[in-house]
N, C-alpha and C. Protein backbone atom coordinates (compact mmCIF):
# COMPACT_ATOMS: atom_id res chain seq x y z
N MET A 1 90.67 93.36 93.38
CA MET A 1 89.63 93.86 94.25
C MET A 1 89.09 92.73 95.13
N ILE A 2 88.98 91.55 94.56
CA ILE A 2 88.48 90.39 95.32
C ILE A 2 89.39 90.13 96.52
N GLU A 3 90.70 90.20 96.29
CA GLU A 3 91.65 89.99 97.38
C GLU A 3 91.40 91.00 98.50
N PHE A 4 91.19 92.25 98.16
CA PHE A 4 90.94 93.29 99.16
C PHE A 4 89.64 93.01 99.92
N LEU A 5 88.60 92.61 99.21
CA LEU A 5 87.32 92.35 99.86
C LEU A 5 87.41 91.20 100.86
N TYR A 6 88.23 90.19 100.54
CA TYR A 6 88.36 89.05 101.46
C TYR A 6 89.36 89.29 102.58
N THR A 7 90.47 89.97 102.26
CA THR A 7 91.54 90.09 103.25
C THR A 7 91.72 91.49 103.81
N GLY A 8 91.19 92.49 103.12
CA GLY A 8 91.41 93.87 103.54
C GLY A 8 92.80 94.37 103.20
N GLU A 9 93.52 93.62 102.38
CA GLU A 9 94.89 93.98 102.01
C GLU A 9 95.05 94.02 100.50
N ILE A 10 96.05 94.76 100.06
CA ILE A 10 96.38 94.84 98.64
C ILE A 10 97.85 94.46 98.48
N ASN A 11 98.11 93.54 97.58
CA ASN A 11 99.49 93.14 97.29
C ASN A 11 100.24 94.34 96.72
N GLU A 12 101.40 94.64 97.28
CA GLU A 12 102.17 95.83 96.88
C GLU A 12 102.57 95.79 95.40
N ASP A 13 103.03 94.64 94.93
CA ASP A 13 103.44 94.53 93.52
C ASP A 13 102.25 94.72 92.59
N THR A 14 101.13 94.13 92.95
CA THR A 14 99.91 94.27 92.16
C THR A 14 99.48 95.73 92.13
N PHE A 15 99.54 96.38 93.29
CA PHE A 15 99.12 97.77 93.35
C PHE A 15 100.01 98.66 92.50
N GLU A 16 101.31 98.45 92.57
CA GLU A 16 102.23 99.30 91.80
C GLU A 16 101.94 99.20 90.31
N GLU A 17 101.58 98.02 89.87
CA GLU A 17 101.30 97.80 88.45
C GLU A 17 99.89 98.26 88.06
N LEU A 18 98.91 98.07 88.95
CA LEU A 18 97.51 98.27 88.58
C LEU A 18 96.75 99.23 89.49
N GLY A 19 97.44 100.09 90.21
CA GLY A 19 96.79 100.97 91.19
C GLY A 19 95.66 101.82 90.62
N GLU A 20 95.90 102.44 89.48
CA GLU A 20 94.88 103.30 88.87
C GLU A 20 93.68 102.48 88.41
N ASP A 21 93.94 101.30 87.86
CA ASP A 21 92.85 100.41 87.43
C ASP A 21 92.05 99.91 88.63
N LEU A 22 92.74 99.62 89.71
CA LEU A 22 92.07 99.16 90.92
C LEU A 22 91.17 100.28 91.47
N TYR A 23 91.66 101.52 91.42
CA TYR A 23 90.82 102.63 91.85
C TYR A 23 89.58 102.74 90.97
N ALA A 24 89.74 102.59 89.67
CA ALA A 24 88.61 102.68 88.73
C ALA A 24 87.54 101.64 89.06
N ILE A 25 87.97 100.43 89.38
CA ILE A 25 87.03 99.36 89.73
C ILE A 25 86.34 99.69 91.06
N ALA A 26 87.13 100.15 92.04
CA ALA A 26 86.55 100.52 93.34
C ALA A 26 85.55 101.65 93.18
N HIS A 27 85.84 102.57 92.29
CA HIS A 27 84.92 103.68 92.02
C HIS A 27 83.63 103.16 91.38
N LYS A 28 83.79 102.30 90.40
CA LYS A 28 82.62 101.76 89.69
C LYS A 28 81.68 101.02 90.64
N TYR A 29 82.25 100.22 91.55
CA TYR A 29 81.43 99.42 92.46
C TYR A 29 81.25 100.09 93.83
N GLU A 30 81.69 101.34 93.95
CA GLU A 30 81.50 102.14 95.15
C GLU A 30 82.02 101.47 96.43
N VAL A 31 83.23 100.96 96.35
CA VAL A 31 83.88 100.35 97.52
C VAL A 31 84.74 101.45 98.15
N GLU A 32 84.14 102.20 99.07
CA GLU A 32 84.77 103.39 99.63
C GLU A 32 86.10 103.09 100.32
N SER A 33 86.17 102.02 101.09
CA SER A 33 87.41 101.73 101.80
C SER A 33 88.55 101.45 100.83
N LEU A 34 88.26 100.79 99.73
CA LEU A 34 89.29 100.52 98.72
C LEU A 34 89.66 101.80 97.98
N LYS A 35 88.69 102.64 97.70
CA LYS A 35 88.99 103.93 97.05
C LYS A 35 89.93 104.75 97.92
N GLU A 36 89.65 104.82 99.21
CA GLU A 36 90.49 105.59 100.13
C GLU A 36 91.90 105.02 100.19
N GLU A 37 92.00 103.70 100.28
CA GLU A 37 93.31 103.05 100.34
C GLU A 37 94.09 103.28 99.05
N CYS A 38 93.42 103.17 97.92
CA CYS A 38 94.09 103.39 96.64
C CYS A 38 94.59 104.83 96.52
N GLU A 39 93.75 105.79 96.88
CA GLU A 39 94.17 107.19 96.78
C GLU A 39 95.36 107.46 97.70
N ARG A 40 95.30 106.92 98.91
CA ARG A 40 96.41 107.10 99.85
C ARG A 40 97.70 106.52 99.29
N ARG A 41 97.62 105.29 98.80
CA ARG A 41 98.83 104.63 98.27
C ARG A 41 99.35 105.30 97.01
N MET A 42 98.43 105.70 96.13
CA MET A 42 98.88 106.38 94.91
C MET A 42 99.61 107.67 95.26
N GLY A 43 99.07 108.41 96.22
CA GLY A 43 99.69 109.68 96.61
C GLY A 43 101.04 109.52 97.26
N SER A 44 101.25 108.42 97.94
CA SER A 44 102.51 108.22 98.65
C SER A 44 103.56 107.48 97.82
N SER A 45 103.22 107.09 96.60
CA SER A 45 104.19 106.34 95.80
C SER A 45 104.35 106.91 94.39
N ILE A 46 104.26 108.22 94.26
CA ILE A 46 104.42 108.86 92.95
C ILE A 46 105.90 108.84 92.58
N ASN A 47 106.16 108.52 91.33
CA ASN A 47 107.52 108.56 90.79
C ASN A 47 107.44 109.01 89.33
N PRO A 48 108.56 109.26 88.68
CA PRO A 48 108.49 109.74 87.30
C PRO A 48 107.72 108.81 86.36
N THR A 49 107.84 107.53 86.56
CA THR A 49 107.19 106.56 85.68
C THR A 49 105.67 106.60 85.79
N ASN A 50 105.14 106.76 86.99
CA ASN A 50 103.68 106.72 87.16
C ASN A 50 103.03 108.09 87.32
N PHE A 51 103.82 109.16 87.27
CA PHE A 51 103.29 110.50 87.51
C PHE A 51 102.10 110.82 86.61
N ASN A 52 102.24 110.62 85.32
CA ASN A 52 101.18 110.97 84.38
C ASN A 52 99.89 110.19 84.67
N LYS A 53 100.02 108.88 84.90
CA LYS A 53 98.83 108.07 85.19
C LYS A 53 98.17 108.49 86.50
N ARG A 54 98.99 108.81 87.49
CA ARG A 54 98.44 109.22 88.79
C ARG A 54 97.70 110.55 88.65
N TYR A 55 98.30 111.48 87.91
CA TYR A 55 97.64 112.78 87.74
C TYR A 55 96.35 112.63 86.95
N GLN A 56 96.36 111.82 85.91
CA GLN A 56 95.15 111.62 85.10
C GLN A 56 94.05 110.97 85.95
N CYS A 57 94.42 110.05 86.82
CA CYS A 57 93.45 109.42 87.72
C CYS A 57 92.85 110.48 88.66
N ALA A 58 93.70 111.35 89.19
CA ALA A 58 93.22 112.42 90.07
C ALA A 58 92.21 113.31 89.37
N LYS A 59 92.50 113.67 88.12
CA LYS A 59 91.60 114.55 87.37
C LYS A 59 90.32 113.82 86.96
N THR A 60 90.44 112.58 86.52
CA THR A 60 89.28 111.81 86.06
C THR A 60 88.26 111.60 87.17
N TYR A 61 88.74 111.27 88.36
CA TYR A 61 87.84 110.91 89.46
C TYR A 61 87.68 112.02 90.51
N GLY A 62 88.26 113.18 90.25
CA GLY A 62 88.12 114.29 91.19
C GLY A 62 88.73 114.00 92.54
N LEU A 63 90.02 113.68 92.55
CA LEU A 63 90.73 113.32 93.78
C LEU A 63 91.70 114.45 94.16
N PRO A 64 91.24 115.44 94.91
CA PRO A 64 92.10 116.59 95.21
C PRO A 64 93.35 116.23 96.01
N MET A 65 93.26 115.26 96.89
CA MET A 65 94.44 114.89 97.67
C MET A 65 95.51 114.27 96.78
N LEU A 66 95.10 113.48 95.80
CA LEU A 66 96.07 112.89 94.87
C LEU A 66 96.64 113.97 93.96
N GLU A 67 95.82 114.90 93.54
CA GLU A 67 96.32 116.01 92.71
C GLU A 67 97.34 116.83 93.48
N LYS A 68 97.06 117.11 94.75
CA LYS A 68 98.01 117.84 95.59
C LYS A 68 99.30 117.05 95.77
N ALA A 69 99.18 115.73 95.90
CA ALA A 69 100.37 114.89 96.03
C ALA A 69 101.23 114.97 94.77
N CYS A 70 100.60 115.05 93.61
CA CYS A 70 101.35 115.20 92.35
C CYS A 70 102.10 116.53 92.33
N ILE A 71 101.43 117.58 92.74
CA ILE A 71 102.07 118.90 92.77
C ILE A 71 103.20 118.92 93.79
N LYS A 72 102.97 118.30 94.93
CA LYS A 72 104.01 118.21 95.96
C LYS A 72 105.20 117.42 95.45
N TYR A 73 104.93 116.37 94.66
CA TYR A 73 106.02 115.59 94.08
C TYR A 73 106.90 116.48 93.20
N ILE A 74 106.26 117.33 92.39
CA ILE A 74 107.03 118.25 91.55
C ILE A 74 107.87 119.18 92.42
N ALA A 75 107.25 119.77 93.43
CA ALA A 75 107.95 120.72 94.29
C ALA A 75 109.13 120.06 95.01
N ASP A 76 108.93 118.84 95.48
CA ASP A 76 109.97 118.15 96.25
C ASP A 76 111.08 117.57 95.38
N ASN A 77 110.79 117.33 94.10
CA ASN A 77 111.76 116.64 93.23
C ASN A 77 112.06 117.43 91.96
N LYS A 78 111.90 118.74 92.02
CA LYS A 78 111.98 119.55 90.80
C LYS A 78 113.32 119.42 90.07
N LYS A 79 114.42 119.33 90.78
CA LYS A 79 115.72 119.27 90.11
C LYS A 79 115.86 118.02 89.24
N GLN A 80 115.35 116.90 89.70
CA GLN A 80 115.44 115.67 88.92
C GLN A 80 114.26 115.52 87.96
N PHE A 81 113.05 115.73 88.46
CA PHE A 81 111.86 115.42 87.68
C PHE A 81 111.66 116.35 86.49
N LEU A 82 111.93 117.64 86.67
CA LEU A 82 111.66 118.59 85.60
C LEU A 82 112.61 118.45 84.41
N PHE A 83 113.62 117.63 84.54
CA PHE A 83 114.53 117.35 83.42
C PHE A 83 114.36 115.93 82.89
N SER A 84 113.31 115.26 83.34
CA SER A 84 113.09 113.87 82.93
C SER A 84 112.28 113.78 81.64
N LYS A 85 112.42 112.67 80.96
CA LYS A 85 111.64 112.44 79.74
C LYS A 85 110.15 112.32 80.06
N GLU A 86 109.83 111.83 81.26
CA GLU A 86 108.43 111.71 81.68
C GLU A 86 107.77 113.09 81.80
N TRP A 87 108.50 114.07 82.37
CA TRP A 87 107.95 115.42 82.47
C TRP A 87 107.81 116.04 81.08
N GLU A 88 108.77 115.81 80.21
CA GLU A 88 108.68 116.33 78.84
C GLU A 88 107.43 115.79 78.15
N LYS A 89 107.16 114.51 78.33
CA LYS A 89 105.97 113.91 77.72
C LYS A 89 104.71 114.51 78.34
N PHE A 90 104.69 114.63 79.66
CA PHE A 90 103.53 115.22 80.34
C PHE A 90 103.28 116.63 79.83
N LYS A 91 104.35 117.43 79.70
CA LYS A 91 104.20 118.80 79.20
C LYS A 91 103.65 118.83 77.79
N SER A 92 104.14 117.94 76.94
CA SER A 92 103.66 117.96 75.55
C SER A 92 102.20 117.53 75.45
N ASP A 93 101.76 116.65 76.34
CA ASP A 93 100.37 116.19 76.35
C ASP A 93 99.44 117.13 77.11
N ASN A 94 99.97 117.86 78.08
CA ASN A 94 99.15 118.68 78.99
C ASN A 94 99.81 120.04 79.22
N ASN A 95 100.05 120.77 78.17
CA ASN A 95 100.84 122.00 78.26
C ASN A 95 100.31 122.98 79.30
N GLU A 96 99.05 123.34 79.22
CA GLU A 96 98.49 124.32 80.14
C GLU A 96 98.48 123.80 81.58
N THR A 97 98.11 122.54 81.74
CA THR A 97 98.09 121.93 83.08
C THR A 97 99.50 121.89 83.67
N ALA A 98 100.48 121.54 82.85
CA ALA A 98 101.86 121.48 83.33
C ALA A 98 102.31 122.85 83.83
N PHE A 99 101.96 123.88 83.09
CA PHE A 99 102.33 125.24 83.51
C PHE A 99 101.68 125.59 84.84
N GLU A 100 100.39 125.29 84.98
CA GLU A 100 99.68 125.59 86.23
C GLU A 100 100.29 124.82 87.40
N MET A 101 100.63 123.55 87.17
CA MET A 101 101.22 122.74 88.24
C MET A 101 102.58 123.31 88.65
N MET A 102 103.38 123.72 87.67
CA MET A 102 104.68 124.31 87.97
C MET A 102 104.51 125.59 88.78
N GLU A 103 103.55 126.40 88.37
CA GLU A 103 103.30 127.66 89.05
C GLU A 103 102.94 127.41 90.52
N ILE A 104 102.07 126.45 90.76
CA ILE A 104 101.68 126.13 92.13
C ILE A 104 102.85 125.54 92.90
N ALA A 105 103.59 124.63 92.27
CA ALA A 105 104.72 123.98 92.94
C ALA A 105 105.79 124.98 93.33
N VAL A 106 106.00 125.99 92.50
CA VAL A 106 107.06 126.96 92.76
C VAL A 106 106.58 128.12 93.63
N CYS A 107 105.36 128.59 93.40
CA CYS A 107 104.89 129.82 94.05
C CYS A 107 103.85 129.62 95.13
N GLY A 108 103.41 128.42 95.36
CA GLY A 108 102.33 128.24 96.31
C GLY A 108 102.62 127.14 97.30
N GLU A 109 101.76 127.08 98.27
CA GLU A 109 101.86 125.99 99.24
C GLU A 109 100.46 125.67 99.73
N PHE A 110 100.30 124.45 100.23
CA PHE A 110 99.02 124.02 100.74
C PHE A 110 99.00 124.17 102.25
N SER A 111 97.89 124.64 102.78
CA SER A 111 97.74 124.72 104.22
C SER A 111 97.30 123.36 104.73
N SER A 112 97.26 123.20 106.04
CA SER A 112 96.87 121.92 106.62
C SER A 112 95.42 121.56 106.33
N ASN A 113 94.57 122.56 106.03
CA ASN A 113 93.18 122.24 105.73
C ASN A 113 92.93 122.07 104.24
N GLY A 114 93.99 122.06 103.45
CA GLY A 114 93.85 121.78 102.03
C GLY A 114 93.69 122.99 101.14
N ASN A 115 93.63 124.19 101.71
CA ASN A 115 93.52 125.39 100.89
C ASN A 115 94.88 125.77 100.33
N LEU A 116 94.88 126.33 99.17
CA LEU A 116 96.12 126.76 98.55
C LEU A 116 96.35 128.23 98.86
N TYR A 117 97.50 128.53 99.40
CA TYR A 117 97.88 129.90 99.66
C TYR A 117 99.03 130.26 98.74
N PHE A 118 98.90 131.34 98.03
CA PHE A 118 99.98 131.78 97.18
C PHE A 118 100.92 132.68 97.97
N ILE A 119 102.17 132.52 97.72
CA ILE A 119 103.17 133.37 98.34
C ILE A 119 103.29 134.60 97.45
N LEU A 120 102.98 135.73 98.00
CA LEU A 120 103.04 136.96 97.22
C LEU A 120 104.44 137.54 97.30
N LEU A 121 104.97 137.88 96.16
CA LEU A 121 106.30 138.46 96.11
C LEU A 121 106.18 139.98 96.11
N ASN A 122 107.00 140.63 96.88
CA ASN A 122 107.04 142.10 96.87
C ASN A 122 107.95 142.53 95.74
N ILE A 123 107.39 143.30 94.83
CA ILE A 123 108.16 143.78 93.71
C ILE A 123 108.20 145.30 93.79
N ASN A 124 109.39 145.83 93.85
CA ASN A 124 109.55 147.28 93.87
C ASN A 124 109.69 147.77 92.44
N ILE A 125 108.86 148.72 92.09
CA ILE A 125 108.92 149.29 90.75
C ILE A 125 109.75 150.56 90.84
N VAL A 126 110.77 150.61 90.01
CA VAL A 126 111.67 151.75 90.02
C VAL A 126 111.61 152.42 88.65
N ASN A 127 111.41 153.71 88.64
CA ASN A 127 111.45 154.47 87.39
C ASN A 127 112.89 154.86 87.12
N ILE A 128 113.35 154.55 85.95
CA ILE A 128 114.72 154.88 85.57
C ILE A 128 114.67 155.86 84.41
N ASP A 129 115.36 156.96 84.55
CA ASP A 129 115.44 157.97 83.49
C ASP A 129 116.73 157.72 82.72
N TYR A 130 116.60 157.34 81.47
CA TYR A 130 117.76 157.02 80.65
C TYR A 130 118.36 158.24 79.95
N ASN A 131 117.83 159.42 80.18
CA ASN A 131 118.37 160.63 79.52
C ASN A 131 119.51 161.20 80.27
């Protein structure tokens, strides 16, 4: 955080390792510019290894843009990520949340103003007489 306060920059390697911790410190000391930069960077660098930490940070600090980035990561990488050991661990630790995230990633989309719109499926109900 000291480096950011003096230079306005964050070392990329340091951020990758300590991004969530850096956000926590920025939150504690109310450094808005650092909080914004951390949220932006966390959202743009989600991967299987940091997914759980990024999502927990989003929930802990009420970061809707980061939470949306996590859901978008699932939607964009579902073929690889949903079969990873990281997703299995996330599901076992957060079963209900994982289901909700999958539901949104598969059935919903975000509008440009941040609202979630669900895609409604047309289902035709057909009565079948088996006699």
